[in-house]
N, C-alpha and C. Protein backbone atom coordinates (compact mmCIF):
# COMPACT_ATOMS: atom_id res chain seq x y z
N UNK A 1 1.93 5.76 30.54
CA UNK A 1 1.50 4.85 29.43
C UNK A 1 2.64 4.14 28.79
N UNK A 2 2.95 3.19 28.79
CA UNK A 2 4.26 1.92 28.54
C UNK A 2 3.87 2.01 27.23
N UNK A 3 4.75 2.02 25.95
CA UNK A 3 4.90 2.21 24.96
C UNK A 3 5.66 1.13 24.18
N UNK A 4 5.31 0.51 22.84
CA UNK A 4 6.92 -0.27 22.47
C UNK A 4 6.38 -0.06 20.59
N UNK A 5 7.80 0.08 19.98
CA UNK A 5 7.74 0.31 19.20
C UNK A 5 7.68 -0.88 18.11
N UNK A 6 6.77 -1.36 17.08
CA UNK A 6 6.96 -2.17 16.55
C UNK A 6 7.55 -2.17 14.97
N UNK A 7 8.18 -1.07 14.48
CA UNK A 7 8.44 -0.54 13.49
C UNK A 7 7.75 0.55 12.43
N UNK A 8 6.42 -0.08 12.51
CA UNK A 8 5.43 0.89 11.71
C UNK A 8 4.61 1.89 12.50
N UNK A 9 4.28 1.52 13.97
CA UNK A 9 2.85 2.10 14.83
C UNK A 9 3.54 1.89 15.99
N UNK A 10 3.28 2.97 16.81
CA UNK A 10 3.07 2.22 18.50
C UNK A 10 1.81 2.41 19.28
N UNK A 11 2.19 1.42 20.23
CA UNK A 11 0.78 0.62 20.65
C UNK A 11 0.83 1.04 22.30
N UNK A 12 -0.55 1.21 22.96
CA UNK A 12 0.10 1.09 24.18
C UNK A 12 0.03 -0.49 24.55
N UNK A 13 0.48 -1.10 25.68
CA UNK A 13 0.61 -2.47 26.16
C UNK A 13 -1.11 -2.64 26.24
N UNK A 14 -2.10 -1.83 26.00
CA UNK A 14 -3.58 -2.15 26.38
C UNK A 14 -3.51 -2.26 24.95
N UNK A 15 -2.89 -1.81 24.05
CA UNK A 15 -3.75 -2.67 22.21
C UNK A 15 -3.90 -1.37 21.74
N UNK A 16 -3.85 0.02 22.51
CA UNK A 16 -4.36 1.37 21.54
C UNK A 16 -3.77 1.36 21.09
N UNK A 17 -4.07 1.98 19.47
CA UNK A 17 -3.26 2.89 18.49
C UNK A 17 -2.80 4.50 19.09
N UNK A 18 -1.80 4.47 19.12
CA UNK A 18 -1.05 5.94 19.60
C UNK A 18 -0.92 6.41 18.45
N UNK A 19 -0.12 6.08 17.86
CA UNK A 19 0.64 6.84 16.42
C UNK A 19 0.97 6.16 15.36
N UNK A 20 1.00 7.17 14.27
CA UNK A 20 0.88 6.31 12.77
C UNK A 20 1.75 6.69 11.92
N UNK A 21 3.66 6.73 12.53
CA UNK A 21 4.33 7.11 11.30
C UNK A 21 4.30 6.26 10.10
N UNK A 22 4.18 5.07 10.13
CA UNK A 22 4.15 4.29 9.15
C UNK A 22 2.87 4.86 8.08
N UNK A 23 1.86 4.95 8.32
CA UNK A 23 0.70 5.78 7.41
C UNK A 23 0.98 7.14 7.20
N UNK A 24 1.81 7.92 7.91
CA UNK A 24 2.16 9.47 7.68
C UNK A 24 3.24 9.12 6.39
N UNK A 25 4.72 8.19 7.00
CA UNK A 25 5.47 7.72 5.84
C UNK A 25 4.49 7.54 4.07
N UNK A 26 3.59 7.07 4.05
CA UNK A 26 3.23 6.49 2.97
C UNK A 26 1.96 7.32 2.13
N UNK A 27 1.52 7.99 3.24
CA UNK A 27 0.81 9.40 2.80
C UNK A 27 1.31 10.37 1.86
N UNK A 28 2.86 10.77 2.51
CA UNK A 28 4.03 11.64 2.34
C UNK A 28 4.39 11.39 1.21
N UNK A 29 4.40 10.04 0.91
CA UNK A 29 5.22 9.50 -0.20
C UNK A 29 4.12 9.61 -1.58
N UNK A 30 3.13 8.85 -1.68
CA UNK A 30 2.06 8.76 -2.26
C UNK A 30 0.78 9.26 -2.05
N UNK A 31 0.74 10.18 -1.41
CA UNK A 31 -0.57 11.19 -1.14
C UNK A 31 -1.33 9.92 -0.55
N UNK A 32 -2.57 10.76 -0.67
CA UNK A 32 -3.71 10.38 0.53
C UNK A 32 -4.73 8.26 -0.25
N UNK A 33 -4.77 7.74 0.13
CA UNK A 33 -5.49 6.20 -0.58
C UNK A 33 -6.16 6.88 -1.10
N UNK A 34 -6.44 6.12 -2.20
CA UNK A 34 -7.26 6.60 -3.61
C UNK A 34 -6.70 7.49 -4.47
N UNK A 35 -5.79 8.47 -4.13
CA UNK A 35 -5.28 9.96 -5.00
C UNK A 35 -4.83 9.57 -6.00
N UNK A 36 -4.38 8.05 -6.19
CA UNK A 36 -3.21 7.82 -6.99
C UNK A 36 -4.24 7.49 -8.51
N UNK A 37 -3.87 6.89 -9.38
CA UNK A 37 -4.61 6.60 -10.53
C UNK A 37 -4.83 5.33 -10.79
N UNK A 38 -6.23 4.33 -11.69
CA UNK A 38 -6.75 3.17 -11.55
C UNK A 38 -5.36 2.47 -12.56
N UNK A 39 -5.10 3.44 -13.59
CA UNK A 39 -4.01 2.78 -14.76
C UNK A 39 -2.96 3.27 -14.75
N UNK A 40 -1.69 3.07 -15.03
CA UNK A 40 0.15 3.83 -15.08
C UNK A 40 0.17 3.62 -16.27
N UNK A 41 0.78 4.75 -17.24
CA UNK A 41 1.03 4.91 -18.49
C UNK A 41 2.88 4.30 -18.19
N UNK A 42 3.48 3.19 -18.70
CA UNK A 42 4.64 2.88 -18.18
C UNK A 42 5.40 2.88 -20.01
N UNK A 43 5.97 3.25 -20.29
CA UNK A 43 6.85 3.01 -21.28
C UNK A 43 5.96 3.61 -22.89
N UNK A 44 5.01 4.41 -22.74
CA UNK A 44 4.07 4.91 -23.55
C UNK A 44 2.61 3.69 -23.63
N UNK A 45 2.26 2.47 -22.54
CA UNK A 45 1.65 2.26 -22.49
C UNK A 45 0.89 1.92 -21.64
N UNK A 46 -0.41 2.06 -21.51
CA UNK A 46 -1.34 2.51 -19.86
C UNK A 46 -1.61 1.10 -19.55
N UNK A 47 -1.20 0.86 -18.46
CA UNK A 47 -1.36 -0.72 -17.65
C UNK A 47 -2.28 -0.65 -16.51
N UNK A 48 -3.72 -1.08 -16.22
CA UNK A 48 -4.26 -1.18 -15.21
C UNK A 48 -3.80 -1.66 -14.15
N UNK A 49 -3.85 -1.48 -13.34
CA UNK A 49 -3.45 -1.93 -11.94
C UNK A 49 -3.41 -3.19 -11.43
N UNK A 50 -4.55 -3.98 -12.18
CA UNK A 50 -4.77 -5.71 -11.97
C UNK A 50 -3.48 -6.16 -12.96
N UNK A 51 -3.58 -5.51 -14.43
CA UNK A 51 -2.70 -6.10 -15.23
C UNK A 51 -1.11 -6.26 -14.99
N UNK A 52 -0.72 -4.58 -13.67
CA UNK A 52 0.69 -4.51 -13.38
C UNK A 52 0.85 -5.68 -12.53
N UNK A 53 -0.14 -6.27 -11.52
CA UNK A 53 0.03 -7.15 -10.48
C UNK A 53 -0.06 -8.33 -11.28
N UNK A 54 -0.81 -8.72 -12.79
CA UNK A 54 -0.62 -10.00 -13.25
C UNK A 54 0.78 -10.39 -13.65
N UNK A 55 1.67 -9.71 -13.65
CA UNK A 55 3.16 -9.20 -14.33
C UNK A 55 3.80 -10.00 -13.21
N UNK A 56 3.05 -9.81 -11.81
CA UNK A 56 4.19 -10.33 -10.87
C UNK A 56 3.33 -11.76 -10.48
N UNK A 57 2.83 -12.01 -11.20
CA UNK A 57 1.45 -13.45 -10.97
C UNK A 57 0.99 -13.15 -9.66
N UNK A 58 0.34 -11.75 -9.34
CA UNK A 58 -0.30 -11.53 -7.80
C UNK A 58 -1.59 -10.59 -8.19
N UNK A 59 -2.09 -11.17 -9.27
CA UNK A 59 -4.00 -10.79 -9.84
C UNK A 59 -4.46 -12.21 -9.03
N UNK A 60 -4.50 -11.86 -7.43
CA UNK A 60 -5.36 -12.89 -6.81
C UNK A 60 -6.25 -12.37 -6.23
N UNK A 61 -7.62 -13.15 -5.70
CA UNK A 61 -8.83 -12.53 -4.96
C UNK A 61 -8.02 -11.84 -3.57
N UNK A 62 -6.95 -11.95 -2.95
CA UNK A 62 -5.97 -11.63 -1.42
C UNK A 62 -5.59 -10.24 -1.49
N UNK A 63 -5.22 -9.87 -3.09
CA UNK A 63 -4.57 -8.47 -3.08
C UNK A 63 -5.47 -7.71 -3.73
N UNK A 64 -6.50 -6.41 -3.08
CA UNK A 64 -6.84 -5.44 -3.75
C UNK A 64 -6.11 -4.53 -4.15
N UNK A 65 -6.22 -3.79 -5.22
CA UNK A 65 -5.59 -2.68 -6.10
C UNK A 65 -6.13 -1.77 -5.94
N UNK A 66 -5.23 -0.54 -5.13
CA UNK A 66 -6.15 0.86 -4.73
C UNK A 66 -5.47 1.90 -5.77
N UNK A 67 -4.62 2.02 -5.94
CA UNK A 67 -3.75 3.50 -6.79
C UNK A 67 -2.54 3.36 -6.91
N UNK A 68 -2.07 3.71 -7.95
CA UNK A 68 -1.06 4.62 -8.28
C UNK A 68 -0.37 5.50 -9.21
N UNK A 69 0.45 5.66 -9.24
CA UNK A 69 1.44 6.59 -10.25
C UNK A 69 2.94 6.76 -10.69
N UNK A 70 3.61 7.89 -11.21
CA UNK A 70 4.41 7.93 -11.22
C UNK A 70 5.38 8.65 -10.53
N UNK A 71 6.61 7.77 -9.87
CA UNK A 71 7.17 8.90 -9.02
C UNK A 71 8.42 9.81 -10.20
N UNK A 72 8.48 9.23 -10.91
CA UNK A 72 9.98 9.78 -11.67
C UNK A 72 10.34 9.57 -12.76
N UNK A 73 11.12 9.59 -13.36
CA UNK A 73 11.61 9.28 -14.64
C UNK A 73 12.01 7.50 -14.29
N UNK A 74 11.10 6.23 -14.96
CA UNK A 74 11.07 5.12 -15.07
C UNK A 74 11.30 4.29 -13.46
N UNK A 75 10.59 5.33 -12.40
CA UNK A 75 10.16 4.71 -11.21
C UNK A 75 8.57 5.10 -11.13
N UNK A 76 8.03 3.49 -11.11
CA UNK A 76 6.49 3.70 -10.76
C UNK A 76 5.85 3.32 -8.97
N UNK A 77 4.59 3.54 -9.16
CA UNK A 77 4.18 2.78 -7.57
C UNK A 77 2.71 2.24 -7.83
N UNK A 78 2.84 1.35 -6.86
CA UNK A 78 1.35 0.75 -7.18
C UNK A 78 0.84 0.54 -5.61
N UNK A 79 -0.28 0.77 -4.95
CA UNK A 79 -1.06 0.75 -3.74
C UNK A 79 -1.88 -0.54 -3.69
N UNK A 80 -1.97 -1.01 -2.56
CA UNK A 80 -2.67 -2.28 -2.73
C UNK A 80 -2.90 -3.08 -1.06
N UNK A 81 -3.85 -3.02 -0.64
CA UNK A 81 -4.09 -3.96 0.52
C UNK A 81 -4.17 -5.32 0.30
N UNK A 82 -3.69 -6.16 1.18
CA UNK A 82 -2.76 -7.32 1.26
C UNK A 82 -3.64 -8.08 2.49
N UNK A 83 -5.04 -8.65 2.00
CA UNK A 83 -5.71 -9.22 2.64
C UNK A 83 -5.30 -10.26 3.40
N UNK A 84 -4.28 -11.07 3.01
CA UNK A 84 -4.28 -12.11 3.38
C UNK A 84 -3.10 -11.81 4.87
N UNK A 85 -2.02 -11.11 4.43
CA UNK A 85 -1.24 -9.97 5.76
C UNK A 85 -2.01 -9.06 6.51
N UNK A 86 -2.91 -8.82 5.95
CA UNK A 86 -3.66 -7.30 6.77
C UNK A 86 -2.80 -6.07 6.72
N UNK A 87 -2.39 -5.63 5.67
CA UNK A 87 -1.50 -4.66 5.63
C UNK A 87 -2.10 -3.55 4.42
N UNK A 88 -1.80 -2.54 4.35
CA UNK A 88 -1.67 -1.57 3.01
C UNK A 88 -0.25 -1.63 2.75
N UNK A 89 0.27 -1.66 1.54
CA UNK A 89 1.49 -1.86 0.78
C UNK A 89 1.84 -1.21 -0.07
N UNK A 90 2.74 -0.66 -0.59
CA UNK A 90 3.24 -0.29 -2.13
C UNK A 90 3.97 -0.76 -2.10
N UNK A 91 4.49 -1.12 -3.47
CA UNK A 91 5.64 -1.35 -4.21
C UNK A 91 5.92 -0.20 -5.45
N UNK A 92 7.49 -0.15 -5.21
CA UNK A 92 7.96 0.94 -6.26
C UNK A 92 8.87 -0.05 -7.50
N UNK A 93 8.53 0.48 -8.48
CA UNK A 93 9.15 -0.72 -9.77
C UNK A 93 9.66 0.15 -11.01
N UNK A 94 10.11 -0.66 -11.74
CA UNK A 94 10.75 0.30 -12.87
C UNK A 94 10.02 0.35 -14.09
N UNK A 95 10.22 0.44 -14.98
CA UNK A 95 9.69 0.34 -16.17
C UNK A 95 9.78 -1.01 -16.92
N UNK A 96 10.69 -2.16 -16.47
CA UNK A 96 10.57 -3.85 -16.56
C UNK A 96 9.86 -4.00 -15.78
N UNK A 97 9.12 -3.34 -14.69
CA UNK A 97 8.21 -4.09 -13.82
C UNK A 97 8.76 -4.57 -12.70
N UNK A 98 10.40 -4.28 -12.73
CA UNK A 98 10.95 -5.07 -11.52
C UNK A 98 11.03 -4.40 -10.16
N UNK A 99 10.50 -4.92 -9.10
CA UNK A 99 9.71 -3.84 -7.81
C UNK A 99 11.20 -3.86 -7.54
N UNK A 100 11.29 -2.37 -6.91
CA UNK A 100 12.59 -1.96 -6.45
C UNK A 100 12.53 -1.71 -5.07
N UNK A 101 11.27 -1.55 -4.17
CA UNK A 101 10.86 -1.37 -2.86
C UNK A 101 9.91 -1.52 -2.66
N UNK A 102 9.72 -1.60 -1.46
CA UNK A 102 8.27 -1.88 -0.89
C UNK A 102 7.80 -1.50 0.66
N UNK A 103 6.87 -1.02 0.88
CA UNK A 103 6.21 -0.63 2.07
C UNK A 103 5.45 -1.25 2.78
N UNK A 104 4.93 -1.46 4.30
CA UNK A 104 3.86 -2.11 4.39
C UNK A 104 3.30 -1.12 5.53
N UNK A 105 2.32 -1.47 6.08
CA UNK A 105 1.45 -0.59 6.99
C UNK A 105 0.45 -1.77 7.44
N UNK A 106 0.44 -1.97 8.82
CA UNK A 106 -0.25 -2.73 9.30
C UNK A 106 -1.49 -2.25 8.94
N UNK A 107 -3.00 -2.82 9.16
CA UNK A 107 -4.27 -2.46 8.18
C UNK A 107 -4.98 -2.06 9.71
N UNK A 108 -4.45 -3.31 10.45
CA UNK A 108 -5.07 -2.78 12.19
C UNK A 108 -4.96 -1.17 12.54
N UNK A 109 -3.77 -0.95 12.21
CA UNK A 109 -3.12 -0.01 12.84
C UNK A 109 -3.23 1.77 12.00
N UNK A 110 -3.48 0.77 10.54
CA UNK A 110 -4.22 1.92 9.60
C UNK A 110 -5.75 2.50 9.88
N UNK A 111 -6.96 1.63 10.26
CA UNK A 111 -8.24 1.89 10.16
C UNK A 111 -8.52 1.39 11.84
N UNK A 112 -7.96 0.16 12.18
CA UNK A 112 -8.82 -0.19 13.84
C UNK A 112 -9.55 -1.29 13.08
N UNK A 113 -10.68 -1.09 14.31
CA UNK A 113 -11.73 -2.14 14.08
C UNK A 113 -12.21 -2.35 12.40
N UNK A 114 -12.69 -0.96 12.06
CA UNK A 114 -13.26 -0.53 10.78
C UNK A 114 -12.62 -1.51 9.55
N UNK A 115 -11.10 -2.00 9.84
CA UNK A 115 -10.58 -2.82 8.37
C UNK A 115 -11.57 -3.79 8.33
N UNK A 116 -12.44 -4.49 9.44
CA UNK A 116 -12.91 -6.08 9.59
C UNK A 116 -14.35 -5.28 8.60
N UNK A 117 -15.03 -4.31 8.22
CA UNK A 117 -16.39 -3.93 7.25
C UNK A 117 -16.28 -3.26 6.54
N UNK A 118 -15.33 -2.28 6.10
CA UNK A 118 -15.01 -1.30 5.48
C UNK A 118 -14.70 -1.53 3.74
N UNK A 119 -14.30 -3.28 3.65
CA UNK A 119 -13.40 -4.11 2.74
C UNK A 119 -14.74 -4.18 1.50
N UNK A 120 -15.33 -4.03 0.33
CA UNK A 120 -15.73 -4.17 -1.15
C UNK A 120 -14.72 -4.37 -1.99
N UNK A 121 -15.16 -5.08 -2.74
CA UNK A 121 -14.15 -5.63 -3.77
C UNK A 121 -15.15 -5.13 -5.53
């Protein structure tokens, strides 16, 4: 079976998903989807995830917030589904809401065909 590596997951020539290292990396660092909080306390203030995305002008219908949390001193994360790009994504940011890093995993690799029927808002 020939495989190609697109950087996030392996697929066969026929297109069947074989391995999900991107999903594993994301879950290893941030926990399973939904295991984080719906708000994050940054410098003593609780921010709902939507409010954090509004600071980046990303509070739009195509961005579906999932969860978030604290990684350590002055480092936070938010996970979301980017419906336009069809990927699960995480931003890490600091206490000034500057984005420090980003991780993305293709939603089709994550969920397969269920991606198209499993989303409600």
